[in-house]
């Protein structure tokens, strides 16, 4: 299942709270509102990630892999 694989791939990165905050800030800078920058990926953050993925031409899983994190940072 691609959704499970995407979730497991993100978990394997072991993102800490500061890294998650940075991702939320980057999403917000690009106009994808995670509804707070708290370092927790709740439903709003997952929706913002999925919206960014769609806009970037990636499958909208709501979970990030290493390449997507680097692409997001470069765009922000």
PDB file of N, CA and C in Angstrom:
ATOM      1  N   UNK A   1       0.848  -1.187   0.000  1.00  0.00           N
ATOM      2  CA  UNK A   1       0.000   0.000   0.000  1.00  0.00           C
ATOM      3  C   UNK A   1       0.892   1.248   0.000  1.00  0.00           C
ATOM      4  N   UNK A   2       0.749   2.117  -0.994  1.00  0.00           N
ATOM      5  CA  UNK A   2       1.602   3.312  -1.088  1.00  0.00           C
ATOM      6  C   UNK A   2       1.480   4.251   0.120  1.00  0.00           C
ATOM      7  N   UNK A   3       0.292   4.375   0.696  1.00  0.00           N
ATOM      8  CA  UNK A   3       0.113   5.277   1.845  1.00  0.00           C
ATOM      9  C   UNK A   3       0.912   4.775   3.050  1.00  0.00           C
ATOM     10  N   UNK A   4       0.889   3.483   3.263  1.00  0.00           N
ATOM     11  CA  UNK A   4       1.640   2.899   4.380  1.00  0.00           C
ATOM     12  C   UNK A   4       3.137   3.058   4.128  1.00  0.00           C
ATOM     13  N   UNK A   5       3.564   2.830   2.905  1.00  0.00           N
ATOM     14  CA  UNK A   5       4.980   2.981   2.566  1.00  0.00           C
ATOM     15  C   UNK A   5       5.449   4.422   2.784  1.00  0.00           C
ATOM     16  N   UNK A   6       4.615   5.391   2.402  1.00  0.00           N
ATOM     17  CA  UNK A   6       4.968   6.798   2.594  1.00  0.00           C
ATOM     18  C   UNK A   6       5.091   7.123   4.079  1.00  0.00           C
ATOM     19  N   UNK A   7       4.154   6.630   4.882  1.00  0.00           N
ATOM     20  CA  UNK A   7       4.198   6.875   6.326  1.00  0.00           C
ATOM     21  C   UNK A   7       5.448   6.258   6.944  1.00  0.00           C
ATOM     22  N   UNK A   8       5.759   5.036   6.553  1.00  0.00           N
ATOM     23  CA  UNK A   8       6.931   4.351   7.094  1.00  0.00           C
ATOM     24  C   UNK A   8       8.230   5.029   6.661  1.00  0.00           C
ATOM     25  N   UNK A   9       8.264   5.526   5.426  1.00  0.00           N
ATOM     26  CA  UNK A   9       9.453   6.218   4.936  1.00  0.00           C
ATOM     27  C   UNK A   9       9.703   7.488   5.754  1.00  0.00           C
ATOM     28  N   UNK A  10       8.632   8.227   6.058  1.00  0.00           N
ATOM     29  CA  UNK A  10       8.805   9.431   6.871  1.00  0.00           C
ATOM     30  C   UNK A  10       9.223   9.067   8.294  1.00  0.00           C
ATOM     31  N   UNK A  11       8.625   8.046   8.858  1.00  0.00           N
ATOM     32  CA  UNK A  11       9.004   7.625  10.213  1.00  0.00           C
ATOM     33  C   UNK A  11      10.483   7.243  10.271  1.00  0.00           C
ATOM     34  N   UNK A  12      10.973   6.611   9.223  1.00  0.00           N
ATOM     35  CA  UNK A  12      12.370   6.170   9.192  1.00  0.00           C
ATOM     36  C   UNK A  12      13.341   7.354   9.235  1.00  0.00           C
ATOM     37  N   UNK A  13      12.887   8.532   8.835  1.00  0.00           N
ATOM     38  CA  UNK A  13      13.748   9.712   8.873  1.00  0.00           C
ATOM     39  C   UNK A  13      13.999  10.179  10.302  1.00  0.00           C
ATOM     40  N   UNK A  14      13.117   9.820  11.214  1.00  0.00           N
ATOM     41  CA  UNK A  14      13.295  10.195  12.620  1.00  0.00           C
ATOM     42  C   UNK A  14      13.320  11.697  12.839  1.00  0.00           C
ATOM     43  N   UNK A  15      12.419  12.416  12.189  1.00  0.00           N
ATOM     44  CA  UNK A  15      12.393  13.873  12.326  1.00  0.00           C
ATOM     45  C   UNK A  15      12.122  14.276  13.770  1.00  0.00           C
ATOM     46  N   UNK A  16      12.930  15.213  14.271  1.00  0.00           N
ATOM     47  CA  UNK A  16      12.677  15.714  15.616  1.00  0.00           C
ATOM     48  C   UNK A  16      11.723  16.909  15.533  1.00  0.00           C
ATOM     49  N   UNK A  17      11.348  17.412  16.682  1.00  0.00           N
ATOM     50  CA  UNK A  17      10.343  18.480  16.714  1.00  0.00           C
ATOM     51  C   UNK A  17      10.826  19.750  16.012  1.00  0.00           C
ATOM     52  N   UNK A  18      12.102  20.088  16.166  1.00  0.00           N
ATOM     53  CA  UNK A  18      12.636  21.272  15.483  1.00  0.00           C
ATOM     54  C   UNK A  18      12.604  21.107  13.970  1.00  0.00           C
ATOM     55  N   UNK A  19      12.912  19.926  13.486  1.00  0.00           N
ATOM     56  CA  UNK A  19      12.857  19.667  12.042  1.00  0.00           C
ATOM     57  C   UNK A  19      11.423  19.772  11.536  1.00  0.00           C
ATOM     58  N   UNK A  20      10.487  19.288  12.319  1.00  0.00           N
ATOM     59  CA  UNK A  20       9.077  19.393  11.931  1.00  0.00           C
ATOM     60  C   UNK A  20       8.614  20.852  11.940  1.00  0.00           C
ATOM     61  N   UNK A  21       9.081  21.621  12.907  1.00  0.00           N
ATOM     62  CA  UNK A  21       8.754  23.054  12.930  1.00  0.00           C
ATOM     63  C   UNK A  21       9.283  23.746  11.676  1.00  0.00           C
ATOM     64  N   UNK A  22      10.499  23.413  11.288  1.00  0.00           N
ATOM     65  CA  UNK A  22      11.079  24.013  10.084  1.00  0.00           C
ATOM     66  C   UNK A  22      10.226  23.685   8.859  1.00  0.00           C
ATOM     67  N   UNK A  23       9.778  22.459   8.766  1.00  0.00           N
ATOM     68  CA  UNK A  23       8.916  22.053   7.646  1.00  0.00           C
ATOM     69  C   UNK A  23       7.611  22.837   7.684  1.00  0.00           C
ATOM     70  N   UNK A  24       7.016  22.986   8.856  1.00  0.00           N
ATOM     71  CA  UNK A  24       5.780  23.750   8.971  1.00  0.00           C
ATOM     72  C   UNK A  24       5.997  25.213   8.573  1.00  0.00           C
ATOM     73  N   UNK A  25       7.121  25.804   8.993  1.00  0.00           N
ATOM     74  CA  UNK A  25       7.441  27.185   8.608  1.00  0.00           C
ATOM     75  C   UNK A  25       7.574  27.307   7.088  1.00  0.00           C
ATOM     76  N   UNK A  26       8.267  26.342   6.487  1.00  0.00           N
ATOM     77  CA  UNK A  26       8.462  26.369   5.039  1.00  0.00           C
ATOM     78  C   UNK A  26       7.128  26.248   4.307  1.00  0.00           C
ATOM     79  N   UNK A  27       6.281  25.366   4.776  1.00  0.00           N
ATOM     80  CA  UNK A  27       4.952  25.229   4.165  1.00  0.00           C
ATOM     81  C   UNK A  27       4.189  26.550   4.260  1.00  0.00           C
ATOM     82  N   UNK A  28       4.224  27.168   5.428  1.00  0.00           N
ATOM     83  CA  UNK A  28       3.517  28.433   5.625  1.00  0.00           C
ATOM     84  C   UNK A  28       4.072  29.530   4.715  1.00  0.00           C
ATOM     85  N   UNK A  29       5.403  29.597   4.591  1.00  0.00           N
ATOM     86  CA  UNK A  29       6.013  30.594   3.704  1.00  0.00           C
ATOM     87  C   UNK A  29       5.558  30.437   2.263  1.00  0.00           C
ATOM     88  N   UNK A  30       5.278  29.200   1.876  1.00  0.00           N
ATOM     89  CA  UNK A  30       4.858  28.919   0.500  1.00  0.00           C
ATOM     90  C   UNK A  30       3.345  28.992   0.322  1.00  0.00           C
ATOM     91  N   UNK A  31       2.634  29.354   1.386  1.00  0.00           N
ATOM     92  CA  UNK A  31       1.185  29.517   1.292  1.00  0.00           C
ATOM     93  C   UNK A  31       0.371  28.277   1.604  1.00  0.00           C
ATOM     94  N   UNK A  32       0.990  27.277   2.195  1.00  0.00           N
ATOM     95  CA  UNK A  32       0.293  26.052   2.583  1.00  0.00           C
ATOM     96  C   UNK A  32       0.196  26.049   4.109  1.00  0.00           C
ATOM     97  N   UNK A  33      -0.944  26.463   4.621  1.00  0.00           N
ATOM     98  CA  UNK A  33      -1.115  26.737   6.049  1.00  0.00           C
ATOM     99  C   UNK A  33      -1.209  25.461   6.882  1.00  0.00           C
ATOM    100  N   UNK A  34      -0.193  25.189   7.727  1.00  0.00           N
ATOM    101  CA  UNK A  34      -0.256  24.015   8.598  1.00  0.00           C
ATOM    102  C   UNK A  34      -1.044  24.280   9.882  1.00  0.00           C
ATOM    103  N   UNK A  35      -1.585  25.502  10.012  1.00  0.00           N
ATOM    104  CA  UNK A  35      -2.372  25.925  11.182  1.00  0.00           C
ATOM    105  C   UNK A  35      -1.571  25.826  12.482  1.00  0.00           C
ATOM    106  N   UNK A  36      -0.395  26.368  12.434  1.00  0.00           N
ATOM    107  CA  UNK A  36       0.447  26.406  13.614  1.00  0.00           C
ATOM    108  C   UNK A  36       1.806  25.799  13.339  1.00  0.00           C
ATOM    109  N   UNK A  37       2.777  26.308  14.058  1.00  0.00           N
ATOM    110  CA  UNK A  37       4.147  25.824  13.921  1.00  0.00           C
ATOM    111  C   UNK A  37       4.560  25.300  15.289  1.00  0.00           C
ATOM    112  N   UNK A  38       4.146  24.073  15.555  1.00  0.00           N
ATOM    113  CA  UNK A  38       4.352  23.481  16.870  1.00  0.00           C
ATOM    114  C   UNK A  38       5.217  22.225  16.844  1.00  0.00           C
ATOM    115  N   UNK A  39       5.634  21.814  15.656  1.00  0.00           N
ATOM    116  CA  UNK A  39       6.458  20.621  15.556  1.00  0.00           C
ATOM    117  C   UNK A  39       5.680  19.321  15.624  1.00  0.00           C
ATOM    118  N   UNK A  40       4.358  19.424  15.595  1.00  0.00           N
ATOM    119  CA  UNK A  40       3.505  18.234  15.598  1.00  0.00           C
ATOM    120  C   UNK A  40       2.755  18.172  14.276  1.00  0.00           C
ATOM    121  N   UNK A  41       2.816  17.051  13.614  1.00  0.00           N
ATOM    122  CA  UNK A  41       2.132  16.894  12.334  1.00  0.00           C
ATOM    123  C   UNK A  41       0.742  16.316  12.558  1.00  0.00           C
ATOM    124  N   UNK A  42      -0.207  17.215  12.816  1.00  0.00           N
ATOM    125  CA  UNK A  42      -1.600  16.835  12.958  1.00  0.00           C
ATOM    126  C   UNK A  42      -2.300  16.900  11.610  1.00  0.00           C
ATOM    127  N   UNK A  43      -3.628  16.827  11.616  1.00  0.00           N
ATOM    128  CA  UNK A  43      -4.393  16.822  10.357  1.00  0.00           C
ATOM    129  C   UNK A  43      -4.139  18.040   9.460  1.00  0.00           C
ATOM    130  N   UNK A  44      -4.003  19.229  10.049  1.00  0.00           N
ATOM    131  CA  UNK A  44      -3.777  20.433   9.238  1.00  0.00           C
ATOM    132  C   UNK A  44      -2.394  20.406   8.590  1.00  0.00           C
ATOM    133  N   UNK A  45      -1.394  19.942   9.318  1.00  0.00           N
ATOM    134  CA  UNK A  45      -0.053  19.835   8.730  1.00  0.00           C
ATOM    135  C   UNK A  45      -0.046  18.798   7.621  1.00  0.00           C
ATOM    136  N   UNK A  46      -0.710  17.679   7.848  1.00  0.00           N
ATOM    137  CA  UNK A  46      -0.767  16.636   6.813  1.00  0.00           C
ATOM    138  C   UNK A  46      -1.482  17.153   5.573  1.00  0.00           C
ATOM    139  N   UNK A  47      -2.546  17.935   5.763  1.00  0.00           N
ATOM    140  CA  UNK A  47      -3.259  18.518   4.621  1.00  0.00           C
ATOM    141  C   UNK A  47      -2.375  19.516   3.883  1.00  0.00           C
ATOM    142  N   UNK A  48      -1.609  20.314   4.622  1.00  0.00           N
ATOM    143  CA  UNK A  48      -0.701  21.278   3.993  1.00  0.00           C
ATOM    144  C   UNK A  48       0.385  20.553   3.211  1.00  0.00           C
ATOM    145  N   UNK A  49       0.915  19.470   3.785  1.00  0.00           N
ATOM    146  CA  UNK A  49       1.927  18.671   3.073  1.00  0.00           C
ATOM    147  C   UNK A  49       1.327  18.104   1.792  1.00  0.00           C
ATOM    148  N   UNK A  50       0.127  17.534   1.886  1.00  0.00           N
ATOM    149  CA  UNK A  50      -0.518  16.945   0.710  1.00  0.00           C
ATOM    150  C   UNK A  50      -0.788  18.002  -0.359  1.00  0.00           C
ATOM    151  N   UNK A  51      -1.217  19.192   0.069  1.00  0.00           N
ATOM    152  CA  UNK A  51      -1.465  20.272  -0.897  1.00  0.00           C
ATOM    153  C   UNK A  51      -0.170  20.693  -1.588  1.00  0.00           C
ATOM    154  N   UNK A  52       0.913  20.798  -0.808  1.00  0.00           N
ATOM    155  CA  UNK A  52       2.208  21.139  -1.399  1.00  0.00           C
ATOM    156  C   UNK A  52       2.649  20.035  -2.366  1.00  0.00           C
ATOM    157  N   UNK A  53       2.471  18.775  -1.975  1.00  0.00           N
ATOM    158  CA  UNK A  53       2.845  17.664  -2.857  1.00  0.00           C
ATOM    159  C   UNK A  53       2.084  17.739  -4.178  1.00  0.00           C
ATOM    160  N   UNK A  54       0.781  17.994  -4.097  1.00  0.00           N
ATOM    161  CA  UNK A  54      -0.024  18.113  -5.316  1.00  0.00           C
ATOM    162  C   UNK A  54       0.499  19.244  -6.192  1.00  0.00           C
ATOM    163  N   UNK A  55       0.756  20.396  -5.584  1.00  0.00           N
ATOM    164  CA  UNK A  55       1.262  21.546  -6.338  1.00  0.00           C
ATOM    165  C   UNK A  55       2.641  21.275  -6.930  1.00  0.00           C
ATOM    166  N   UNK A  56       3.394  20.385  -6.306  1.00  0.00           N
ATOM    167  CA  UNK A  56       4.744  20.053  -6.772  1.00  0.00           C
ATOM    168  C   UNK A  56       4.769  18.873  -7.735  1.00  0.00           C
ATOM    169  N   UNK A  57       3.597  18.311  -8.019  1.00  0.00           N
ATOM    170  CA  UNK A  57       3.533  17.192  -8.960  1.00  0.00           C
ATOM    171  C   UNK A  57       3.883  15.846  -8.359  1.00  0.00           C
ATOM    172  N   UNK A  58       3.875  15.766  -7.032  1.00  0.00           N
ATOM    173  CA  UNK A  58       4.175  14.501  -6.348  1.00  0.00           C
ATOM    174  C   UNK A  58       2.870  13.858  -5.886  1.00  0.00           C
ATOM    175  N   UNK A  59       2.886  12.564  -5.644  1.00  0.00           N
ATOM    176  CA  UNK A  59       1.693  11.932  -5.068  1.00  0.00           C
ATOM    177  C   UNK A  59       1.372  12.560  -3.710  1.00  0.00           C
ATOM    178  N   UNK A  60       0.104  12.859  -3.486  1.00  0.00           N
ATOM    179  CA  UNK A  60      -0.312  13.560  -2.268  1.00  0.00           C
ATOM    180  C   UNK A  60      -0.587  12.582  -1.132  1.00  0.00           C
ATOM    181  N   UNK A  61       0.485  12.094  -0.518  1.00  0.00           N
ATOM    182  CA  UNK A  61       0.349  11.142   0.585  1.00  0.00           C
ATOM    183  C   UNK A  61       0.178  11.844   1.927  1.00  0.00           C
ATOM    184  N   UNK A  62       0.656  13.092   2.014  1.00  0.00           N
ATOM    185  CA  UNK A  62       0.648  13.789   3.296  1.00  0.00           C
ATOM    186  C   UNK A  62       1.854  13.447   4.161  1.00  0.00           C
ATOM    187  N   UNK A  63       2.736  12.605   3.640  1.00  0.00           N
ATOM    188  CA  UNK A  63       3.964  12.220   4.328  1.00  0.00           C
ATOM    189  C   UNK A  63       5.143  12.573   3.427  1.00  0.00           C
ATOM    190  N   UNK A  64       6.245  12.993   4.027  1.00  0.00           N
ATOM    191  CA  UNK A  64       7.398  13.458   3.273  1.00  0.00           C
ATOM    192  C   UNK A  64       8.529  12.445   3.266  1.00  0.00           C
ATOM    193  N   UNK A  65       9.241  12.409   2.146  1.00  0.00           N
ATOM    194  CA  UNK A  65      10.483  11.637   2.112  1.00  0.00           C
ATOM    195  C   UNK A  65      11.649  12.634   2.092  1.00  0.00           C
ATOM    196  N   UNK A  66      12.855  12.130   2.171  1.00  0.00           N
ATOM    197  CA  UNK A  66      14.039  12.992   2.254  1.00  0.00           C
ATOM    198  C   UNK A  66      14.121  13.958   1.061  1.00  0.00           C
ATOM    199  N   UNK A  67      13.897  13.463  -0.158  1.00  0.00           N
ATOM    200  CA  UNK A  67      13.986  14.325  -1.341  1.00  0.00           C
ATOM    201  C   UNK A  67      12.950  15.442  -1.295  1.00  0.00           C
ATOM    202  N   UNK A  68      11.745  15.126  -0.846  1.00  0.00           N
ATOM    203  CA  UNK A  68      10.704  16.149  -0.769  1.00  0.00           C
ATOM    204  C   UNK A  68      11.051  17.201   0.281  1.00  0.00           C
ATOM    205  N   UNK A  69      11.620  16.789   1.384  1.00  0.00           N
ATOM    206  CA  UNK A  69      12.025  17.745   2.422  1.00  0.00           C
ATOM    207  C   UNK A  69      13.074  18.709   1.863  1.00  0.00           C
ATOM    208  N   UNK A  70      14.010  18.186   1.111  1.00  0.00           N
ATOM    209  CA  UNK A  70      15.034  19.047   0.498  1.00  0.00           C
ATOM    210  C   UNK A  70      14.417  19.984  -0.544  1.00  0.00           C
ATOM    211  N   UNK A  71      13.480  19.477  -1.336  1.00  0.00           N
ATOM    212  CA  UNK A  71      12.806  20.301  -2.349  1.00  0.00           C
ATOM    213  C   UNK A  71      11.988  21.408  -1.683  1.00  0.00           C
ATOM    214  N   UNK A  72      11.276  21.056  -0.618  1.00  0.00           N
ATOM    215  CA  UNK A  72      10.478  22.037   0.113  1.00  0.00           C
ATOM    216  C   UNK A  72      11.375  23.147   0.666  1.00  0.00           C
ATOM    217  N   UNK A  73      12.486  22.776   1.272  1.00  0.00           N
ATOM    218  CA  UNK A  73      13.417  23.766   1.825  1.00  0.00           C
ATOM    219  C   UNK A  73      13.959  24.677   0.733  1.00  0.00           C
ATOM    220  N   UNK A  74      14.294  24.114  -0.420  1.00  0.00           N
ATOM    221  CA  UNK A  74      14.821  24.917  -1.519  1.00  0.00           C
ATOM    222  C   UNK A  74      13.766  25.913  -2.035  1.00  0.00           C
ATOM    223  N   UNK A  75      12.527  25.475  -2.095  1.00  0.00           N
ATOM    224  CA  UNK A  75      11.457  26.355  -2.571  1.00  0.00           C
ATOM    225  C   UNK A  75      11.173  27.481  -1.590  1.00  0.00           C
ATOM    226  N   UNK A  76      11.263  27.167  -0.304  1.00  0.00           N
ATOM    227  CA  UNK A  76      10.949  28.183   0.718  1.00  0.00           C
ATOM    228  C   UNK A  76      12.098  29.177   0.850  1.00  0.00           C
TER     229      UNK A  76
END
